[in-house]
Amino acid sequence: MATRLADPEVTAVLRTTEGLEVEFSRTHTWLVPYLVLRDACPSCFHPRSGNRVSSVASSCHALLVEDAGVIRGQGPNRLLVLWEDKTSSEFESAWLYAKCFRGLPDSGASQDAADAKKPWGAE
């Protein structure tokens, strides 16, 4: 089973056709689909109410990424995504890592956890 990191930091990011390969603390790497990132984009939610103000379905350009990188030096590292529609999204390392650790597709790190799942009633 994959070991959960105590203080994960985004250390590298690579764009692929399916999503971003995000490396945490140089030990865990997950493929995060563009749809997951856009759907969770903080700018899609009202800052006070937390209600969704825009939807991935409302924009045909919502999943096109212009660039992505790591923001360093201002507290914990963050993932920055620049969308082709000229909006941007920032994701905190700990939040993104927790989301990944719970089951996003990866390049090996969480496969052990996925393999450990047992069918209902298999106790």
N, C-alpha and C. Protein backbone atom coordinates (compact mmCIF):
# COMPACT_ATOMS: atom_id res chain seq x y z
N MET A 1 0.84 -1.17 0.00
CA MET A 1 0.00 0.00 0.00
C MET A 1 0.89 1.25 0.00
N ALA A 2 0.49 2.27 -0.75
CA ALA A 2 1.26 3.50 -0.83
C ALA A 2 1.27 4.20 0.53
N THR A 3 2.42 4.77 0.87
CA THR A 3 2.56 5.49 2.13
C THR A 3 2.16 6.94 1.91
N ARG A 4 1.26 7.44 2.74
CA ARG A 4 0.79 8.82 2.63
C ARG A 4 1.86 9.77 3.17
N LEU A 5 2.15 10.83 2.42
CA LEU A 5 3.12 11.83 2.84
C LEU A 5 2.52 12.74 3.90
N ALA A 6 3.33 13.11 4.89
CA ALA A 6 2.86 13.99 5.97
C ALA A 6 2.70 15.44 5.50
N ASP A 7 3.68 15.96 4.79
CA ASP A 7 3.65 17.34 4.30
C ASP A 7 3.97 17.36 2.80
N PRO A 8 3.00 17.00 1.98
CA PRO A 8 3.27 16.93 0.53
C PRO A 8 3.49 18.31 -0.08
N GLU A 9 4.41 18.38 -1.00
CA GLU A 9 4.68 19.61 -1.75
C GLU A 9 4.68 19.26 -3.23
N VAL A 10 4.00 20.06 -4.04
CA VAL A 10 4.09 19.89 -5.49
C VAL A 10 5.51 20.24 -5.88
N THR A 11 6.21 19.30 -6.52
CA THR A 11 7.61 19.55 -6.89
C THR A 11 7.81 19.64 -8.40
N ALA A 12 6.89 19.08 -9.18
CA ALA A 12 7.03 19.15 -10.63
C ALA A 12 5.67 18.90 -11.27
N VAL A 13 5.51 19.40 -12.49
CA VAL A 13 4.27 19.18 -13.23
C VAL A 13 4.60 19.03 -14.71
N LEU A 14 3.91 18.11 -15.37
CA LEU A 14 4.12 17.84 -16.78
C LEU A 14 2.76 17.76 -17.47
N ARG A 15 2.59 18.51 -18.57
CA ARG A 15 1.34 18.44 -19.32
C ARG A 15 1.34 17.20 -20.20
N THR A 16 0.21 16.50 -20.23
CA THR A 16 0.02 15.36 -21.13
C THR A 16 -1.30 15.60 -21.86
N THR A 17 -1.65 14.72 -22.78
CA THR A 17 -2.92 14.89 -23.49
C THR A 17 -4.12 14.63 -22.59
N GLU A 18 -3.96 13.80 -21.56
CA GLU A 18 -5.06 13.44 -20.68
C GLU A 18 -5.20 14.36 -19.47
N GLY A 19 -4.11 14.97 -19.04
CA GLY A 19 -4.14 15.80 -17.84
C GLY A 19 -2.73 16.20 -17.44
N LEU A 20 -2.59 16.61 -16.19
CA LEU A 20 -1.27 17.00 -15.68
C LEU A 20 -0.70 15.88 -14.82
N GLU A 21 0.55 15.53 -15.08
CA GLU A 21 1.25 14.62 -14.18
C GLU A 21 1.86 15.50 -13.10
N VAL A 22 1.39 15.32 -11.88
CA VAL A 22 1.82 16.15 -10.76
C VAL A 22 2.67 15.30 -9.83
N GLU A 23 3.89 15.77 -9.58
CA GLU A 23 4.80 15.07 -8.67
C GLU A 23 4.76 15.76 -7.30
N PHE A 24 4.66 14.94 -6.25
CA PHE A 24 4.64 15.44 -4.88
C PHE A 24 5.89 14.98 -4.15
N SER A 25 6.62 15.94 -3.59
CA SER A 25 7.80 15.67 -2.76
C SER A 25 8.77 14.69 -3.41
N ARG A 26 8.83 14.71 -4.71
CA ARG A 26 9.73 13.87 -5.51
C ARG A 26 9.55 12.37 -5.28
N THR A 27 8.40 11.95 -4.73
CA THR A 27 8.18 10.53 -4.46
C THR A 27 6.89 9.97 -5.05
N HIS A 28 5.82 10.75 -5.11
CA HIS A 28 4.54 10.29 -5.62
C HIS A 28 4.19 11.10 -6.86
N THR A 29 3.70 10.44 -7.90
CA THR A 29 3.26 11.14 -9.11
C THR A 29 1.89 10.64 -9.50
N TRP A 30 0.98 11.58 -9.73
CA TRP A 30 -0.38 11.24 -10.16
C TRP A 30 -0.72 11.98 -11.44
N LEU A 31 -1.54 11.32 -12.26
CA LEU A 31 -2.12 11.96 -13.43
C LEU A 31 -3.45 12.57 -12.99
N VAL A 32 -3.54 13.89 -13.05
CA VAL A 32 -4.77 14.58 -12.64
C VAL A 32 -5.46 15.05 -13.92
N PRO A 33 -6.61 14.47 -14.24
CA PRO A 33 -7.32 14.87 -15.48
C PRO A 33 -7.70 16.34 -15.47
N TYR A 34 -7.65 16.96 -16.66
CA TYR A 34 -8.00 18.37 -16.78
C TYR A 34 -9.41 18.64 -16.27
N LEU A 35 -10.33 17.73 -16.52
CA LEU A 35 -11.71 17.91 -16.07
C LEU A 35 -11.78 18.02 -14.55
N VAL A 36 -11.01 17.22 -13.83
CA VAL A 36 -10.99 17.27 -12.37
C VAL A 36 -10.47 18.63 -11.90
N LEU A 37 -9.40 19.12 -12.53
CA LEU A 37 -8.83 20.41 -12.14
C LEU A 37 -9.80 21.56 -12.41
N ARG A 38 -10.39 21.55 -13.60
CA ARG A 38 -11.30 22.65 -13.96
C ARG A 38 -12.55 22.63 -13.09
N ASP A 39 -13.05 21.44 -12.81
CA ASP A 39 -14.25 21.31 -12.00
C ASP A 39 -14.01 21.78 -10.56
N ALA A 40 -12.78 21.61 -10.06
CA ALA A 40 -12.44 22.01 -8.69
C ALA A 40 -11.83 23.40 -8.61
N CYS A 41 -11.74 24.09 -9.72
CA CYS A 41 -11.11 25.42 -9.76
C CYS A 41 -11.76 26.35 -8.75
N PRO A 42 -10.98 26.94 -7.84
CA PRO A 42 -11.54 27.85 -6.84
C PRO A 42 -12.32 29.02 -7.44
N SER A 43 -11.94 29.47 -8.64
CA SER A 43 -12.65 30.59 -9.24
C SER A 43 -14.04 30.22 -9.75
N CYS A 44 -14.36 28.93 -9.76
CA CYS A 44 -15.69 28.47 -10.17
C CYS A 44 -16.70 28.55 -9.03
N PHE A 45 -16.24 28.99 -7.84
CA PHE A 45 -17.11 29.04 -6.67
C PHE A 45 -17.15 30.44 -6.09
N HIS A 46 -18.32 30.84 -5.60
CA HIS A 46 -18.47 32.15 -4.97
C HIS A 46 -17.65 32.17 -3.69
N PRO A 47 -16.83 33.21 -3.46
CA PRO A 47 -15.93 33.22 -2.31
C PRO A 47 -16.61 33.17 -0.95
N ARG A 48 -17.80 33.75 -0.82
CA ARG A 48 -18.48 33.76 0.49
C ARG A 48 -19.46 32.61 0.66
N SER A 49 -20.26 32.34 -0.36
CA SER A 49 -21.30 31.31 -0.20
C SER A 49 -20.78 29.91 -0.50
N GLY A 50 -19.71 29.83 -1.32
CA GLY A 50 -19.20 28.52 -1.71
C GLY A 50 -20.01 27.87 -2.82
N ASN A 51 -21.04 28.57 -3.32
CA ASN A 51 -21.86 28.04 -4.40
C ASN A 51 -21.11 28.11 -5.72
N ARG A 52 -21.37 27.16 -6.59
CA ARG A 52 -20.75 27.14 -7.91
C ARG A 52 -21.29 28.31 -8.73
N VAL A 53 -20.37 29.07 -9.36
CA VAL A 53 -20.78 30.19 -10.21
C VAL A 53 -20.55 29.90 -11.69
N SER A 54 -19.78 28.88 -12.00
CA SER A 54 -19.60 28.48 -13.39
C SER A 54 -19.40 26.97 -13.43
N SER A 55 -19.64 26.43 -14.58
CA SER A 55 -19.57 24.98 -14.75
C SER A 55 -18.65 24.64 -15.92
N VAL A 56 -18.03 23.49 -15.83
CA VAL A 56 -17.19 23.01 -16.93
C VAL A 56 -18.04 22.90 -18.19
N ALA A 57 -19.28 22.52 -18.04
CA ALA A 57 -20.17 22.33 -19.18
C ALA A 57 -20.52 23.65 -19.86
N SER A 58 -20.33 24.79 -19.18
CA SER A 58 -20.72 26.08 -19.75
C SER A 58 -19.69 26.66 -20.72
N SER A 59 -18.54 26.06 -20.85
CA SER A 59 -17.50 26.59 -21.72
C SER A 59 -16.88 25.50 -22.57
N CYS A 60 -16.86 25.72 -23.87
CA CYS A 60 -16.27 24.72 -24.76
C CYS A 60 -14.74 24.74 -24.67
N HIS A 61 -14.16 25.81 -24.11
CA HIS A 61 -12.71 25.92 -23.98
C HIS A 61 -12.22 25.57 -22.58
N ALA A 62 -13.11 25.11 -21.73
CA ALA A 62 -12.80 24.94 -20.32
C ALA A 62 -11.64 23.99 -20.05
N LEU A 63 -11.37 23.04 -20.93
CA LEU A 63 -10.36 22.04 -20.64
C LEU A 63 -9.06 22.24 -21.40
N LEU A 64 -8.89 23.35 -22.08
CA LEU A 64 -7.67 23.60 -22.82
C LEU A 64 -6.69 24.37 -21.93
N VAL A 65 -5.52 23.77 -21.69
CA VAL A 65 -4.52 24.36 -20.81
C VAL A 65 -3.43 25.01 -21.64
N GLU A 66 -3.16 26.27 -21.32
CA GLU A 66 -2.08 27.00 -21.99
C GLU A 66 -0.74 26.69 -21.36
N ASP A 67 -0.71 26.62 -20.01
CA ASP A 67 0.54 26.34 -19.30
C ASP A 67 0.21 25.89 -17.88
N ALA A 68 1.19 25.28 -17.24
CA ALA A 68 1.05 24.85 -15.85
C ALA A 68 2.42 24.86 -15.20
N GLY A 69 2.45 25.12 -13.91
CA GLY A 69 3.73 25.15 -13.22
C GLY A 69 3.55 25.12 -11.72
N VAL A 70 4.67 25.25 -11.02
CA VAL A 70 4.70 25.21 -9.57
C VAL A 70 5.03 26.60 -9.05
N ILE A 71 4.23 27.08 -8.11
CA ILE A 71 4.51 28.35 -7.43
C ILE A 71 5.28 28.01 -6.17
N ARG A 72 6.48 28.55 -6.04
CA ARG A 72 7.34 28.27 -4.88
C ARG A 72 7.64 29.56 -4.12
N GLY A 73 7.98 29.41 -2.85
CA GLY A 73 8.54 30.53 -2.10
C GLY A 73 7.57 31.38 -1.33
N GLN A 74 6.29 31.14 -1.43
CA GLN A 74 5.30 31.93 -0.69
C GLN A 74 4.45 30.96 0.13
N GLY A 75 5.06 30.32 1.10
CA GLY A 75 4.37 29.28 1.86
C GLY A 75 4.51 27.95 1.13
N PRO A 76 3.58 27.03 1.39
CA PRO A 76 3.66 25.73 0.71
C PRO A 76 3.54 25.90 -0.81
N ASN A 77 4.23 25.05 -1.54
CA ASN A 77 4.14 25.08 -3.00
C ASN A 77 2.70 24.89 -3.45
N ARG A 78 2.37 25.51 -4.59
CA ARG A 78 1.03 25.38 -5.17
C ARG A 78 1.15 25.08 -6.65
N LEU A 79 0.14 24.41 -7.19
CA LEU A 79 0.06 24.16 -8.62
C LEU A 79 -0.68 25.32 -9.25
N LEU A 80 -0.12 25.87 -10.32
CA LEU A 80 -0.77 26.95 -11.07
C LEU A 80 -1.12 26.41 -12.45
N VAL A 81 -2.38 26.58 -12.84
CA VAL A 81 -2.84 26.18 -14.17
C VAL A 81 -3.34 27.42 -14.89
N LEU A 82 -2.80 27.68 -16.08
CA LEU A 82 -3.27 28.79 -16.91
C LEU A 82 -4.10 28.18 -18.03
N TRP A 83 -5.39 28.47 -18.01
CA TRP A 83 -6.32 27.92 -18.99
C TRP A 83 -6.29 28.76 -20.25
N GLU A 84 -6.65 28.15 -21.38
CA GLU A 84 -6.62 28.84 -22.66
C GLU A 84 -7.61 30.00 -22.73
N ASP A 85 -8.65 29.98 -21.88
CA ASP A 85 -9.62 31.08 -21.88
C ASP A 85 -9.12 32.27 -21.05
N LYS A 86 -7.84 32.26 -20.69
CA LYS A 86 -7.14 33.34 -19.97
C LYS A 86 -7.48 33.40 -18.48
N THR A 87 -8.13 32.40 -17.94
CA THR A 87 -8.32 32.33 -16.50
C THR A 87 -7.21 31.46 -15.92
N SER A 88 -7.06 31.51 -14.61
CA SER A 88 -6.04 30.68 -13.97
C SER A 88 -6.61 30.03 -12.72
N SER A 89 -5.98 28.96 -12.31
CA SER A 89 -6.39 28.24 -11.10
C SER A 89 -5.15 27.94 -10.28
N GLU A 90 -5.27 28.07 -8.96
CA GLU A 90 -4.20 27.69 -8.04
C GLU A 90 -4.74 26.62 -7.12
N PHE A 91 -3.93 25.58 -6.90
CA PHE A 91 -4.33 24.48 -6.04
C PHE A 91 -3.24 24.27 -5.00
N GLU A 92 -3.63 24.26 -3.73
CA GLU A 92 -2.68 24.03 -2.65
C GLU A 92 -2.20 22.58 -2.70
N SER A 93 -0.92 22.38 -2.39
CA SER A 93 -0.32 21.05 -2.43
C SER A 93 -1.08 20.04 -1.58
N ALA A 94 -1.38 20.40 -0.33
CA ALA A 94 -2.03 19.45 0.58
C ALA A 94 -3.41 19.05 0.08
N TRP A 95 -4.19 20.01 -0.42
CA TRP A 95 -5.53 19.70 -0.93
C TRP A 95 -5.45 18.78 -2.14
N LEU A 96 -4.56 19.12 -3.08
CA LEU A 96 -4.44 18.33 -4.30
C LEU A 96 -3.92 16.93 -4.00
N TYR A 97 -2.96 16.83 -3.10
CA TYR A 97 -2.42 15.53 -2.72
C TYR A 97 -3.49 14.65 -2.07
N ALA A 98 -4.29 15.26 -1.19
CA ALA A 98 -5.37 14.49 -0.53
C ALA A 98 -6.36 13.98 -1.58
N LYS A 99 -6.68 14.80 -2.55
CA LYS A 99 -7.60 14.39 -3.62
C LYS A 99 -6.97 13.25 -4.43
N CYS A 100 -5.71 13.35 -4.73
CA CYS A 100 -5.02 12.30 -5.48
C CYS A 100 -4.94 11.01 -4.68
N PHE A 101 -4.60 11.14 -3.42
CA PHE A 101 -4.41 9.96 -2.58
C PHE A 101 -5.72 9.18 -2.42
N ARG A 102 -6.85 9.88 -2.57
CA ARG A 102 -8.15 9.21 -2.43
C ARG A 102 -8.54 8.45 -3.68
N GLY A 103 -7.74 8.49 -4.75
CA GLY A 103 -8.09 7.61 -5.85
C GLY A 103 -8.03 8.11 -7.26
N LEU A 104 -7.39 9.24 -7.53
CA LEU A 104 -7.21 9.63 -8.93
C LEU A 104 -6.25 8.66 -9.60
N PRO A 105 -6.35 8.52 -10.93
CA PRO A 105 -5.38 7.67 -11.63
C PRO A 105 -3.97 8.19 -11.40
N ASP A 106 -3.02 7.30 -11.34
CA ASP A 106 -1.65 7.73 -11.10
C ASP A 106 -0.68 6.96 -11.98
N SER A 107 0.58 7.26 -11.79
CA SER A 107 1.59 6.53 -12.54
C SER A 107 2.30 5.55 -11.63
N GLY A 108 1.58 4.96 -10.69
CA GLY A 108 2.13 3.90 -9.88
C GLY A 108 1.98 4.08 -8.39
N ALA A 109 2.03 5.29 -7.89
CA ALA A 109 2.08 5.51 -6.45
C ALA A 109 0.83 5.03 -5.72
N SER A 110 -0.35 5.24 -6.28
CA SER A 110 -1.55 4.81 -5.57
C SER A 110 -2.09 3.49 -6.09
N GLN A 111 -1.39 2.86 -7.01
CA GLN A 111 -1.85 1.59 -7.55
C GLN A 111 -1.94 0.54 -6.46
N ASP A 112 -1.00 0.55 -5.52
CA ASP A 112 -1.04 -0.40 -4.42
C ASP A 112 -2.34 -0.24 -3.64
N ALA A 113 -2.76 1.00 -3.40
CA ALA A 113 -4.00 1.25 -2.68
C ALA A 113 -5.20 0.75 -3.48
N ALA A 114 -5.18 0.97 -4.79
CA ALA A 114 -6.28 0.51 -5.63
C ALA A 114 -6.34 -1.02 -5.64
N ASP A 115 -5.18 -1.68 -5.67
CA ASP A 115 -5.14 -3.14 -5.66
C ASP A 115 -5.62 -3.71 -4.34
N ALA A 116 -5.50 -2.92 -3.26
CA ALA A 116 -5.88 -3.40 -1.94
C ALA A 116 -7.39 -3.36 -1.72
N LYS A 117 -8.15 -2.71 -2.61
CA LYS A 117 -9.60 -2.67 -2.45
C LYS A 117 -10.16 -4.07 -2.61
N LYS A 118 -11.14 -4.37 -1.77
CA LYS A 118 -11.76 -5.69 -1.81
C LYS A 118 -13.23 -5.54 -2.18
N PRO A 119 -13.77 -6.50 -2.93
CA PRO A 119 -15.19 -6.43 -3.25
C PRO A 119 -16.06 -6.51 -2.00
N TRP A 120 -17.26 -5.96 -2.09
CA TRP A 120 -18.20 -5.98 -0.98
C TRP A 120 -18.41 -7.42 -0.50
N GLY A 121 -18.30 -7.62 0.80
CA GLY A 121 -18.51 -8.93 1.38
C GLY A 121 -17.31 -9.85 1.33
N ALA A 122 -16.16 -9.36 0.89
CA ALA A 122 -14.97 -10.20 0.77
C ALA A 122 -14.16 -10.24 2.05
N GLU A 123 -14.68 -9.67 3.15
CA GLU A 123 -13.94 -9.64 4.41
C GLU A 123 -13.65 -11.02 4.77
